[in-house]
Amino acid sequence: MKVKRYRDWDYWARPIPGFGDARARVLFVGLAPAANGGNRTGRMFTGDRSGDFLFAALFRAGFANQPTSVRRGDGLALSGAFITAPCRCAPPANKPLPEELQSCSSWLDAEVALLKEVRLIIALGGIAWAATLDHFRRRGFTLPRPLPKFGHGAEAAIKGAPLLLGCYHVSQQNTNTGRLTPEMIDRVLDRARVLSQPEGVTP
């Protein structure tokens, strides 16, 4: 449903593709398009407060050429990073059902298969963490038991798979309450830059 400030917008209102550098070493896995963000603009984390927080952090870390993401065609480009999500359409209350995630899983798998240089995945939130582990399982990687638990700054090394890092989601529920601060996400991104470099290369 449109909100008053966007009533004159023609919403994208279609499944949202991933966005970023096709040669990315770092893959960000979010949750789903926001109703008046990606669902409106047609680009992941674009046109809402979550995107403002995320892209400012990506700019500070050198993954983005500008700190804002307003609309498609605004000049934003990512370097060494790609953003995707396990759910491609805006779900009710931003809470995708298991069957929605299952329905979208083939699109996630196909998109990630095109990213040949990914060395590290950052899961933005617990649902993204679980979806990434499910993606690893579908790719044939052997997951440990018990499964690695999500946490901010958590790391999971699974044989043959990209290293998995956890970060609290950039939702306003987390950023407005101080559960996720700029300093906290910066530390995760700094860690990602170091760990995603080819052997012998200093970031």
N, C-alpha and C. Protein backbone atom coordinates (compact mmCIF):
# COMPACT_ATOMS: atom_id res chain seq x y z
N MET A 1 0.84 -1.19 0.00
CA MET A 1 0.00 0.00 0.00
C MET A 1 0.88 1.25 0.00
N LYS A 2 0.56 2.20 -0.88
CA LYS A 2 1.33 3.43 -0.93
C LYS A 2 1.11 4.25 0.34
N VAL A 3 2.17 4.96 0.74
CA VAL A 3 2.04 5.91 1.83
C VAL A 3 1.96 7.30 1.22
N LYS A 4 1.52 8.26 2.02
CA LYS A 4 1.20 9.59 1.50
C LYS A 4 2.38 10.23 0.78
N ARG A 5 3.59 10.12 1.35
CA ARG A 5 4.72 10.82 0.74
C ARG A 5 5.14 10.22 -0.61
N TYR A 6 4.66 9.01 -0.92
CA TYR A 6 5.01 8.38 -2.20
C TYR A 6 3.78 8.17 -3.09
N ARG A 7 2.71 8.90 -2.82
CA ARG A 7 1.46 8.64 -3.54
C ARG A 7 1.58 8.94 -5.03
N ASP A 8 2.53 9.80 -5.42
CA ASP A 8 2.69 10.14 -6.84
C ASP A 8 3.70 9.23 -7.55
N TRP A 9 4.28 8.27 -6.82
CA TRP A 9 5.25 7.35 -7.41
C TRP A 9 4.53 6.22 -8.15
N ASP A 10 5.12 5.80 -9.27
CA ASP A 10 4.72 4.54 -9.90
C ASP A 10 5.61 3.45 -9.33
N TYR A 11 5.04 2.59 -8.51
CA TYR A 11 5.83 1.57 -7.83
C TYR A 11 6.32 0.50 -8.80
N TRP A 12 7.54 0.00 -8.52
CA TRP A 12 8.09 -1.13 -9.27
C TRP A 12 7.19 -2.35 -9.08
N ALA A 13 6.94 -2.71 -7.83
CA ALA A 13 5.97 -3.74 -7.45
C ALA A 13 6.14 -5.06 -8.20
N ARG A 14 7.40 -5.45 -8.39
CA ARG A 14 7.73 -6.72 -9.03
C ARG A 14 8.84 -7.38 -8.23
N PRO A 15 9.16 -8.64 -8.51
CA PRO A 15 10.30 -9.26 -7.83
C PRO A 15 11.58 -8.44 -8.06
N ILE A 16 12.38 -8.31 -7.00
CA ILE A 16 13.57 -7.45 -7.06
C ILE A 16 14.81 -8.29 -7.33
N PRO A 17 15.57 -7.97 -8.37
CA PRO A 17 16.83 -8.69 -8.61
C PRO A 17 17.92 -8.18 -7.68
N GLY A 18 19.00 -8.94 -7.60
CA GLY A 18 20.16 -8.48 -6.84
C GLY A 18 20.82 -7.30 -7.53
N PHE A 19 21.79 -6.72 -6.85
CA PHE A 19 22.43 -5.49 -7.34
C PHE A 19 23.88 -5.45 -6.89
N GLY A 20 24.77 -5.05 -7.82
CA GLY A 20 26.15 -4.86 -7.41
C GLY A 20 27.16 -5.25 -8.47
N ASP A 21 28.34 -5.58 -8.00
CA ASP A 21 29.50 -5.88 -8.83
C ASP A 21 29.49 -7.37 -9.19
N ALA A 22 29.48 -7.68 -10.48
CA ALA A 22 29.46 -9.08 -10.92
C ALA A 22 30.72 -9.83 -10.51
N ARG A 23 31.78 -9.09 -10.17
CA ARG A 23 33.03 -9.73 -9.71
C ARG A 23 33.21 -9.57 -8.20
N ALA A 24 32.10 -9.47 -7.51
CA ALA A 24 32.14 -9.24 -6.06
C ALA A 24 32.85 -10.37 -5.33
N ARG A 25 33.62 -10.00 -4.32
CA ARG A 25 34.22 -10.96 -3.39
C ARG A 25 33.35 -11.11 -2.14
N VAL A 26 32.54 -10.07 -1.87
CA VAL A 26 31.67 -10.08 -0.69
C VAL A 26 30.22 -10.01 -1.15
N LEU A 27 29.42 -10.96 -0.65
CA LEU A 27 28.00 -11.01 -0.96
C LEU A 27 27.20 -10.68 0.29
N PHE A 28 26.30 -9.72 0.19
CA PHE A 28 25.41 -9.37 1.30
C PHE A 28 24.05 -10.01 1.05
N VAL A 29 23.57 -10.75 2.04
CA VAL A 29 22.26 -11.39 1.94
C VAL A 29 21.34 -10.69 2.93
N GLY A 30 20.31 -10.03 2.41
CA GLY A 30 19.37 -9.32 3.25
C GLY A 30 18.18 -10.18 3.59
N LEU A 31 17.00 -9.58 3.59
CA LEU A 31 15.79 -10.31 3.94
C LEU A 31 14.79 -10.29 2.79
N ALA A 32 14.24 -9.12 2.50
CA ALA A 32 13.22 -8.97 1.46
C ALA A 32 13.09 -7.49 1.13
N PRO A 33 12.52 -7.14 -0.02
CA PRO A 33 12.31 -5.73 -0.35
C PRO A 33 11.34 -5.08 0.64
N ALA A 34 11.65 -3.88 1.06
CA ALA A 34 10.73 -3.13 1.91
C ALA A 34 9.55 -2.63 1.07
N ALA A 35 8.40 -2.53 1.69
CA ALA A 35 7.18 -2.18 0.96
C ALA A 35 7.29 -0.85 0.22
N ASN A 36 7.93 0.14 0.86
CA ASN A 36 8.06 1.46 0.24
C ASN A 36 9.51 1.81 -0.06
N GLY A 37 10.38 0.78 -0.06
CA GLY A 37 11.77 0.95 -0.43
C GLY A 37 12.02 0.25 -1.75
N GLY A 38 12.58 -0.96 -1.68
CA GLY A 38 12.85 -1.71 -2.90
C GLY A 38 11.62 -1.99 -3.73
N ASN A 39 10.50 -2.24 -3.08
CA ASN A 39 9.26 -2.50 -3.81
C ASN A 39 8.82 -1.28 -4.61
N ARG A 40 9.20 -0.10 -4.13
CA ARG A 40 8.85 1.14 -4.82
C ARG A 40 9.86 1.48 -5.90
N THR A 41 11.15 1.32 -5.58
CA THR A 41 12.20 1.80 -6.48
C THR A 41 12.76 0.74 -7.41
N GLY A 42 12.58 -0.54 -7.06
CA GLY A 42 13.08 -1.61 -7.91
C GLY A 42 14.53 -1.97 -7.68
N ARG A 43 15.12 -1.52 -6.56
CA ARG A 43 16.50 -1.87 -6.25
C ARG A 43 16.61 -2.20 -4.77
N MET A 44 17.40 -3.20 -4.45
CA MET A 44 17.59 -3.63 -3.07
C MET A 44 18.02 -2.46 -2.17
N PHE A 45 17.41 -2.35 -0.99
CA PHE A 45 17.79 -1.38 0.03
C PHE A 45 17.85 0.05 -0.52
N THR A 46 16.92 0.39 -1.39
CA THR A 46 16.95 1.71 -2.01
C THR A 46 15.68 2.50 -1.69
N GLY A 47 15.88 3.73 -1.21
CA GLY A 47 14.75 4.60 -0.96
C GLY A 47 14.13 4.48 0.41
N ASP A 48 14.87 3.91 1.38
CA ASP A 48 14.34 3.83 2.74
C ASP A 48 15.48 4.00 3.74
N ARG A 49 15.14 4.06 5.03
CA ARG A 49 16.14 4.32 6.06
C ARG A 49 17.14 3.17 6.22
N SER A 50 16.67 1.94 6.00
CA SER A 50 17.60 0.81 6.07
C SER A 50 18.71 0.96 5.04
N GLY A 51 18.30 1.35 3.83
CA GLY A 51 19.29 1.57 2.78
C GLY A 51 20.22 2.72 3.09
N ASP A 52 19.67 3.80 3.69
CA ASP A 52 20.52 4.93 4.07
C ASP A 52 21.65 4.47 4.99
N PHE A 53 21.29 3.63 5.96
CA PHE A 53 22.28 3.16 6.92
C PHE A 53 23.28 2.22 6.24
N LEU A 54 22.77 1.28 5.43
CA LEU A 54 23.66 0.30 4.81
C LEU A 54 24.62 0.94 3.82
N PHE A 55 24.12 1.78 2.92
CA PHE A 55 25.00 2.33 1.89
C PHE A 55 25.98 3.35 2.44
N ALA A 56 25.62 4.03 3.50
CA ALA A 56 26.60 4.89 4.16
C ALA A 56 27.76 4.06 4.69
N ALA A 57 27.44 2.88 5.25
CA ALA A 57 28.49 1.99 5.75
C ALA A 57 29.32 1.41 4.60
N LEU A 58 28.66 1.03 3.51
CA LEU A 58 29.40 0.50 2.36
C LEU A 58 30.32 1.55 1.77
N PHE A 59 29.87 2.80 1.77
CA PHE A 59 30.73 3.89 1.27
C PHE A 59 31.94 4.06 2.17
N ARG A 60 31.73 4.05 3.48
CA ARG A 60 32.87 4.19 4.40
C ARG A 60 33.88 3.06 4.24
N ALA A 61 33.38 1.88 3.90
CA ALA A 61 34.25 0.71 3.77
C ALA A 61 34.87 0.59 2.38
N GLY A 62 34.48 1.47 1.46
CA GLY A 62 35.05 1.42 0.12
C GLY A 62 34.34 0.48 -0.84
N PHE A 63 33.16 -0.02 -0.44
CA PHE A 63 32.41 -0.91 -1.32
C PHE A 63 31.45 -0.16 -2.24
N ALA A 64 31.17 1.11 -1.95
CA ALA A 64 30.23 1.91 -2.75
C ALA A 64 30.87 3.24 -3.11
N ASN A 65 30.46 3.78 -4.26
CA ASN A 65 31.04 5.05 -4.72
C ASN A 65 30.33 6.27 -4.15
N GLN A 66 29.21 6.06 -3.46
CA GLN A 66 28.49 7.17 -2.84
C GLN A 66 27.72 6.62 -1.63
N PRO A 67 27.39 7.49 -0.68
CA PRO A 67 26.78 7.01 0.56
C PRO A 67 25.26 6.91 0.55
N THR A 68 24.64 7.20 -0.59
CA THR A 68 23.18 7.21 -0.65
C THR A 68 22.68 6.34 -1.80
N SER A 69 21.47 5.83 -1.63
CA SER A 69 20.81 5.03 -2.66
C SER A 69 19.35 5.48 -2.71
N VAL A 70 19.03 6.32 -3.67
CA VAL A 70 17.73 6.97 -3.72
C VAL A 70 16.80 6.29 -4.71
N ARG A 71 17.33 6.00 -5.90
CA ARG A 71 16.52 5.40 -6.97
C ARG A 71 17.46 4.75 -7.97
N ARG A 72 16.92 3.87 -8.80
CA ARG A 72 17.70 3.33 -9.90
C ARG A 72 18.14 4.47 -10.82
N GLY A 73 19.38 4.42 -11.29
CA GLY A 73 19.89 5.47 -12.16
C GLY A 73 20.43 6.67 -11.43
N ASP A 74 20.64 6.56 -10.10
CA ASP A 74 21.16 7.69 -9.33
C ASP A 74 22.69 7.74 -9.29
N GLY A 75 23.34 6.86 -10.05
CA GLY A 75 24.80 6.88 -10.11
C GLY A 75 25.48 5.94 -9.14
N LEU A 76 24.72 5.27 -8.28
CA LEU A 76 25.33 4.35 -7.31
C LEU A 76 25.95 3.16 -8.02
N ALA A 77 27.16 2.82 -7.59
CA ALA A 77 27.84 1.62 -8.08
C ALA A 77 28.56 0.96 -6.92
N LEU A 78 28.57 -0.35 -6.90
CA LEU A 78 29.28 -1.10 -5.88
C LEU A 78 30.56 -1.67 -6.47
N SER A 79 31.58 -1.79 -5.64
CA SER A 79 32.87 -2.34 -6.05
C SER A 79 33.25 -3.45 -5.08
N GLY A 80 33.35 -4.66 -5.60
CA GLY A 80 33.73 -5.79 -4.76
C GLY A 80 32.60 -6.34 -3.92
N ALA A 81 31.38 -5.86 -4.13
CA ALA A 81 30.24 -6.28 -3.30
C ALA A 81 29.00 -6.45 -4.17
N PHE A 82 28.13 -7.35 -3.73
CA PHE A 82 26.85 -7.60 -4.39
C PHE A 82 25.81 -7.82 -3.30
N ILE A 83 24.59 -7.34 -3.53
CA ILE A 83 23.52 -7.44 -2.54
C ILE A 83 22.38 -8.27 -3.11
N THR A 84 21.91 -9.24 -2.35
CA THR A 84 20.78 -10.06 -2.76
C THR A 84 19.89 -10.30 -1.55
N ALA A 85 18.84 -11.09 -1.75
CA ALA A 85 17.92 -11.40 -0.65
C ALA A 85 17.26 -12.74 -0.93
N PRO A 86 16.93 -13.49 0.11
CA PRO A 86 16.27 -14.78 -0.10
C PRO A 86 14.80 -14.67 -0.48
N CYS A 87 14.17 -13.53 -0.21
CA CYS A 87 12.78 -13.28 -0.58
C CYS A 87 12.76 -12.10 -1.55
N ARG A 88 12.15 -12.27 -2.72
CA ARG A 88 12.27 -11.28 -3.78
C ARG A 88 11.12 -10.29 -3.88
N CYS A 89 10.02 -10.55 -3.19
CA CYS A 89 8.88 -9.64 -3.19
C CYS A 89 8.62 -9.16 -1.76
N ALA A 90 8.01 -8.01 -1.64
CA ALA A 90 7.74 -7.45 -0.31
C ALA A 90 6.72 -8.32 0.41
N PRO A 91 7.09 -8.96 1.52
CA PRO A 91 6.14 -9.82 2.24
C PRO A 91 5.30 -9.01 3.22
N PRO A 92 4.14 -9.51 3.61
CA PRO A 92 3.34 -8.82 4.62
C PRO A 92 4.12 -8.65 5.91
N ALA A 93 4.11 -7.42 6.45
CA ALA A 93 4.78 -7.10 7.71
C ALA A 93 6.27 -7.39 7.69
N ASN A 94 6.87 -7.43 6.47
CA ASN A 94 8.31 -7.69 6.34
C ASN A 94 8.73 -9.01 6.97
N LYS A 95 7.81 -9.98 7.03
CA LYS A 95 8.11 -11.28 7.62
C LYS A 95 7.76 -12.38 6.63
N PRO A 96 8.72 -12.77 5.79
CA PRO A 96 8.41 -13.81 4.80
C PRO A 96 8.12 -15.15 5.46
N LEU A 97 7.13 -15.84 4.93
CA LEU A 97 6.79 -17.17 5.41
C LEU A 97 7.78 -18.19 4.85
N PRO A 98 7.95 -19.32 5.50
CA PRO A 98 8.87 -20.36 4.99
C PRO A 98 8.58 -20.74 3.55
N GLU A 99 7.30 -20.81 3.18
CA GLU A 99 6.97 -21.18 1.80
C GLU A 99 7.37 -20.10 0.81
N GLU A 100 7.37 -18.83 1.24
CA GLU A 100 7.84 -17.76 0.37
C GLU A 100 9.34 -17.88 0.13
N LEU A 101 10.08 -18.16 1.18
CA LEU A 101 11.52 -18.33 1.04
C LEU A 101 11.83 -19.53 0.17
N GLN A 102 11.07 -20.60 0.32
CA GLN A 102 11.27 -21.79 -0.51
C GLN A 102 10.99 -21.48 -1.97
N SER A 103 9.93 -20.73 -2.23
CA SER A 103 9.57 -20.39 -3.60
C SER A 103 10.65 -19.56 -4.29
N CYS A 104 11.33 -18.72 -3.52
CA CYS A 104 12.35 -17.84 -4.08
C CYS A 104 13.75 -18.46 -4.10
N SER A 105 13.90 -19.64 -3.49
CA SER A 105 15.24 -20.20 -3.31
C SER A 105 15.96 -20.48 -4.62
N SER A 106 15.22 -20.87 -5.66
CA SER A 106 15.88 -21.16 -6.93
C SER A 106 16.47 -19.89 -7.55
N TRP A 107 15.82 -18.74 -7.30
CA TRP A 107 16.35 -17.48 -7.83
C TRP A 107 17.61 -17.07 -7.08
N LEU A 108 17.61 -17.29 -5.77
CA LEU A 108 18.83 -17.01 -5.00
C LEU A 108 19.96 -17.88 -5.49
N ASP A 109 19.71 -19.18 -5.66
CA ASP A 109 20.76 -20.10 -6.09
C ASP A 109 21.30 -19.72 -7.46
N ALA A 110 20.41 -19.39 -8.38
CA ALA A 110 20.84 -19.05 -9.74
C ALA A 110 21.66 -17.77 -9.76
N GLU A 111 21.26 -16.79 -8.96
CA GLU A 111 21.98 -15.53 -8.92
C GLU A 111 23.38 -15.71 -8.33
N VAL A 112 23.45 -16.44 -7.22
CA VAL A 112 24.75 -16.64 -6.57
C VAL A 112 25.68 -17.45 -7.48
N ALA A 113 25.12 -18.37 -8.27
CA ALA A 113 25.94 -19.18 -9.17
C ALA A 113 26.67 -18.34 -10.21
N LEU A 114 26.13 -17.15 -10.50
CA LEU A 114 26.77 -16.26 -11.48
C LEU A 114 27.92 -15.47 -10.88
N LEU A 115 28.00 -15.44 -9.55
CA LEU A 115 29.03 -14.66 -8.86
C LEU A 115 30.20 -15.57 -8.53
N LYS A 116 31.12 -15.67 -9.46
CA LYS A 116 32.19 -16.67 -9.40
C LYS A 116 33.29 -16.35 -8.40
N GLU A 117 33.37 -15.10 -7.95
CA GLU A 117 34.52 -14.70 -7.13
C GLU A 117 34.16 -14.44 -5.67
N VAL A 118 32.94 -14.78 -5.25
CA VAL A 118 32.53 -14.54 -3.87
C VAL A 118 33.35 -15.42 -2.92
N ARG A 119 33.97 -14.77 -1.95
CA ARG A 119 34.78 -15.48 -0.94
C ARG A 119 34.14 -15.41 0.44
N LEU A 120 33.19 -14.48 0.60
CA LEU A 120 32.62 -14.25 1.92
C LEU A 120 31.19 -13.76 1.78
N ILE A 121 30.32 -14.23 2.66
CA ILE A 121 28.92 -13.81 2.67
C ILE A 121 28.60 -13.18 4.01
N ILE A 122 27.99 -12.00 3.98
CA ILE A 122 27.51 -11.35 5.19
C ILE A 122 26.00 -11.50 5.24
N ALA A 123 25.51 -12.20 6.25
CA ALA A 123 24.07 -12.39 6.44
C ALA A 123 23.56 -11.28 7.34
N LEU A 124 22.64 -10.48 6.80
CA LEU A 124 22.06 -9.38 7.56
C LEU A 124 20.82 -9.90 8.31
N GLY A 125 21.04 -10.44 9.48
CA GLY A 125 19.96 -10.94 10.30
C GLY A 125 19.86 -12.45 10.32
N GLY A 126 19.09 -12.95 11.27
CA GLY A 126 18.99 -14.38 11.47
C GLY A 126 18.31 -15.12 10.34
N ILE A 127 17.30 -14.52 9.70
CA ILE A 127 16.64 -15.18 8.57
C ILE A 127 17.60 -15.32 7.41
N ALA A 128 18.39 -14.28 7.14
CA ALA A 128 19.39 -14.35 6.07
C ALA A 128 20.44 -15.41 6.39
N TRP A 129 20.84 -15.51 7.65
CA TRP A 129 21.81 -16.53 8.07
C TRP A 129 21.25 -17.93 7.78
N ALA A 130 20.02 -18.18 8.20
CA ALA A 130 19.41 -19.49 7.98
C ALA A 130 19.23 -19.77 6.49
N ALA A 131 18.84 -18.75 5.72
CA ALA A 131 18.66 -18.92 4.28
C ALA A 131 19.98 -19.23 3.59
N THR A 132 21.06 -18.63 4.08
CA THR A 132 22.37 -18.90 3.49
C THR A 132 22.81 -20.32 3.80
N LEU A 133 22.57 -20.79 5.01
CA LEU A 133 22.89 -22.18 5.33
C LEU A 133 22.07 -23.14 4.47
N ASP A 134 20.80 -22.82 4.25
CA ASP A 134 19.98 -23.65 3.36
C ASP A 134 20.53 -23.64 1.94
N HIS A 135 21.00 -22.48 1.50
CA HIS A 135 21.63 -22.37 0.18
C HIS A 135 22.87 -23.25 0.11
N PHE A 136 23.69 -23.24 1.14
CA PHE A 136 24.87 -24.11 1.17
C PHE A 136 24.47 -25.58 1.08
N ARG A 137 23.42 -25.94 1.79
CA ARG A 137 22.96 -27.33 1.77
C ARG A 137 22.53 -27.73 0.36
N ARG A 138 21.81 -26.85 -0.31
CA ARG A 138 21.38 -27.15 -1.68
C ARG A 138 22.55 -27.27 -2.63
N ARG A 139 23.64 -26.60 -2.32
CA ARG A 139 24.84 -26.69 -3.16
C ARG A 139 25.68 -27.93 -2.84
N GLY A 140 25.27 -28.68 -1.85
CA GLY A 140 25.96 -29.93 -1.54
C GLY A 140 27.03 -29.82 -0.49
N PHE A 141 27.16 -28.67 0.17
CA PHE A 141 28.14 -28.54 1.24
C PHE A 141 27.63 -29.27 2.49
N THR A 142 28.53 -29.88 3.21
CA THR A 142 28.17 -30.60 4.43
C THR A 142 28.15 -29.62 5.60
N LEU A 143 26.99 -29.46 6.21
CA LEU A 143 26.85 -28.52 7.32
C LEU A 143 27.12 -29.23 8.63
N PRO A 144 27.78 -28.54 9.56
CA PRO A 144 28.05 -29.16 10.87
C PRO A 144 26.78 -29.28 11.70
N ARG A 145 26.82 -30.15 12.67
CA ARG A 145 25.74 -30.31 13.64
C ARG A 145 26.31 -30.11 15.04
N PRO A 146 25.72 -29.25 15.85
CA PRO A 146 24.58 -28.39 15.52
C PRO A 146 24.96 -27.32 14.51
N LEU A 147 23.96 -26.74 13.87
CA LEU A 147 24.22 -25.69 12.89
C LEU A 147 24.84 -24.47 13.56
N PRO A 148 25.71 -23.77 12.86
CA PRO A 148 26.28 -22.53 13.41
C PRO A 148 25.18 -21.54 13.75
N LYS A 149 25.30 -20.90 14.89
CA LYS A 149 24.28 -19.97 15.35
C LYS A 149 24.57 -18.55 14.88
N PHE A 150 23.50 -17.85 14.53
CA PHE A 150 23.63 -16.46 14.14
C PHE A 150 23.95 -15.57 15.34
N GLY A 151 24.74 -14.56 15.10
CA GLY A 151 25.02 -13.52 16.07
C GLY A 151 25.75 -12.40 15.36
N HIS A 152 25.71 -11.22 15.91
CA HIS A 152 26.45 -10.12 15.29
C HIS A 152 27.93 -10.39 15.44
N GLY A 153 28.63 -10.45 14.31
CA GLY A 153 30.05 -10.76 14.32
C GLY A 153 30.37 -12.24 14.31
N ALA A 154 29.33 -13.10 14.31
CA ALA A 154 29.57 -14.55 14.27
C ALA A 154 30.21 -14.93 12.94
N GLU A 155 31.03 -15.97 12.97
CA GLU A 155 31.67 -16.48 11.77
C GLU A 155 31.45 -17.99 11.68
N ALA A 156 31.18 -18.46 10.47
CA ALA A 156 31.00 -19.90 10.25
C ALA A 156 31.83 -20.30 9.03
N ALA A 157 32.79 -21.17 9.25
CA ALA A 157 33.64 -21.68 8.17
C ALA A 157 33.16 -23.08 7.82
N ILE A 158 32.61 -23.25 6.63
CA ILE A 158 32.07 -24.52 6.17
C ILE A 158 32.90 -24.95 4.97
N LYS A 159 33.43 -26.14 5.03
CA LYS A 159 34.38 -26.62 4.02
C LYS A 159 33.83 -26.46 2.61
N GLY A 160 34.59 -25.76 1.78
CA GLY A 160 34.23 -25.56 0.38
C GLY A 160 33.35 -24.37 0.11
N ALA A 161 32.73 -23.82 1.15
CA ALA A 161 31.80 -22.71 0.98
C ALA A 161 32.46 -21.38 1.32
N PRO A 162 31.91 -20.27 0.82
CA PRO A 162 32.41 -18.97 1.27
C PRO A 162 32.25 -18.83 2.79
N LEU A 163 33.14 -18.11 3.40
CA LEU A 163 33.03 -17.84 4.84
C LEU A 163 31.76 -17.05 5.10
N LEU A 164 31.05 -17.40 6.16
CA LEU A 164 29.79 -16.74 6.50
C LEU A 164 29.98 -15.87 7.74
N LEU A 165 29.62 -14.60 7.62
CA LEU A 165 29.67 -13.65 8.73
C LEU A 165 28.26 -13.17 9.05
N GLY A 166 27.99 -12.96 10.33
CA GLY A 166 26.70 -12.44 10.75
C GLY A 166 26.76 -10.97 11.10
N CYS A 167 25.70 -10.25 10.78
CA CYS A 167 25.56 -8.84 11.14
C CYS A 167 24.09 -8.59 11.42
N TYR A 168 23.79 -7.85 12.48
CA TYR A 168 22.40 -7.50 12.71
C TYR A 168 21.84 -6.80 11.48
N HIS A 169 20.56 -7.02 11.22
CA HIS A 169 19.93 -6.39 10.07
C HIS A 169 19.91 -4.87 10.25
N VAL A 170 19.94 -4.17 9.11
CA VAL A 170 20.01 -2.70 9.14
C VAL A 170 18.62 -2.06 9.23
N SER A 171 17.66 -2.78 9.73
CA SER A 171 16.31 -2.25 9.91
C SER A 171 16.31 -1.12 10.93
N GLN A 172 15.31 -0.24 10.83
CA GLN A 172 15.20 0.84 11.80
C GLN A 172 14.98 0.31 13.21
N GLN A 173 14.36 -0.85 13.31
CA GLN A 173 14.16 -1.46 14.62
C GLN A 173 15.48 -1.69 15.34
N ASN A 174 16.52 -1.95 14.56
CA ASN A 174 17.85 -2.14 15.15
C ASN A 174 18.66 -0.86 15.21
N THR A 175 18.61 -0.06 14.15
CA THR A 175 19.47 1.13 14.11
C THR A 175 18.93 2.25 14.97
N ASN A 176 17.61 2.38 15.09
CA ASN A 176 17.05 3.44 15.92
C ASN A 176 17.17 3.17 17.40
N THR A 177 17.30 1.90 17.76
CA THR A 177 17.40 1.53 19.18
C THR A 177 18.84 1.39 19.65
N GLY A 178 19.79 1.48 18.72
CA GLY A 178 21.19 1.32 19.10
C GLY A 178 21.65 -0.12 19.16
N ARG A 179 20.78 -1.03 18.78
CA ARG A 179 21.21 -2.44 18.75
C ARG A 179 22.29 -2.63 17.68
N LEU A 180 22.16 -1.87 16.58
CA LEU A 180 23.19 -1.85 15.55
C LEU A 180 23.60 -0.40 15.35
N THR A 181 24.87 -0.12 15.59
CA THR A 181 25.41 1.22 15.42
C THR A 181 26.34 1.26 14.22
N PRO A 182 26.66 2.47 13.71
CA PRO A 182 27.62 2.55 12.61
C PRO A 182 28.95 1.89 12.95
N GLU A 183 29.40 2.05 14.18
CA GLU A 183 30.68 1.44 14.58
C GLU A 183 30.61 -0.08 14.52
N MET A 184 29.46 -0.64 14.88
CA MET A 184 29.31 -2.09 14.87
C MET A 184 29.34 -2.67 13.45
N ILE A 185 28.62 -2.03 12.53
CA ILE A 185 28.65 -2.55 11.17
C ILE A 185 29.99 -2.29 10.51
N ASP A 186 30.64 -1.17 10.87
CA ASP A 186 31.97 -0.88 10.31
C ASP A 186 32.96 -1.97 10.69
N ARG A 187 32.88 -2.48 11.91
CA ARG A 187 33.80 -3.55 12.32
C ARG A 187 33.58 -4.81 11.50
N VAL A 188 32.31 -5.13 11.23
CA VAL A 188 32.03 -6.31 10.40
C VAL A 188 32.56 -6.11 8.99
N LEU A 189 32.36 -4.93 8.43
CA LEU A 189 32.82 -4.67 7.07
C LEU A 189 34.34 -4.64 6.99
N ASP A 190 34.99 -4.10 8.00
CA ASP A 190 36.45 -4.13 8.03
C ASP A 190 36.96 -5.56 8.05
N ARG A 191 36.31 -6.40 8.87
CA ARG A 191 36.67 -7.82 8.93
C ARG A 191 36.44 -8.49 7.58
N ALA A 192 35.35 -8.15 6.92
CA ALA A 192 35.04 -8.73 5.62
C ALA A 192 36.08 -8.35 4.58
N ARG A 193 36.52 -7.11 4.60
CA ARG A 193 37.52 -6.67 3.63
C ARG A 193 38.81 -7.47 3.78
N VAL A 194 39.21 -7.71 5.01
CA VAL A 194 40.44 -8.47 5.25
C VAL A 194 40.29 -9.92 4.82
N LEU A 195 39.19 -10.55 5.23
CA LEU A 195 39.03 -11.98 5.00
C LEU A 195 38.69 -12.31 3.55
N SER A 196 38.19 -11.35 2.79
CA SER A 196 37.78 -11.64 1.42
C SER A 196 38.89 -11.44 0.40
N GLN A 197 40.03 -10.95 0.84
CA GLN A 197 41.12 -10.71 -0.08
C GLN A 197 41.76 -12.03 -0.54
N PRO A 198 42.19 -12.08 -1.80
CA PRO A 198 42.96 -13.25 -2.25
C PRO A 198 44.22 -13.41 -1.39
N GLU A 199 44.70 -14.63 -1.29
CA GLU A 199 45.89 -14.88 -0.48
C GLU A 199 47.06 -14.04 -0.99
N GLY A 200 47.75 -13.43 -0.02
CA GLY A 200 48.91 -12.63 -0.34
C GLY A 200 48.61 -11.19 -0.68
N VAL A 201 47.32 -10.80 -0.68
CA VAL A 201 46.92 -9.43 -1.01
C VAL A 201 46.50 -8.73 0.27
N THR A 202 47.02 -7.53 0.49
CA THR A 202 46.67 -6.73 1.65
C THR A 202 45.63 -5.70 1.24
N PRO A 203 44.46 -5.64 1.95
CA PRO A 203 43.43 -4.67 1.56
C PRO A 203 43.87 -3.24 1.83
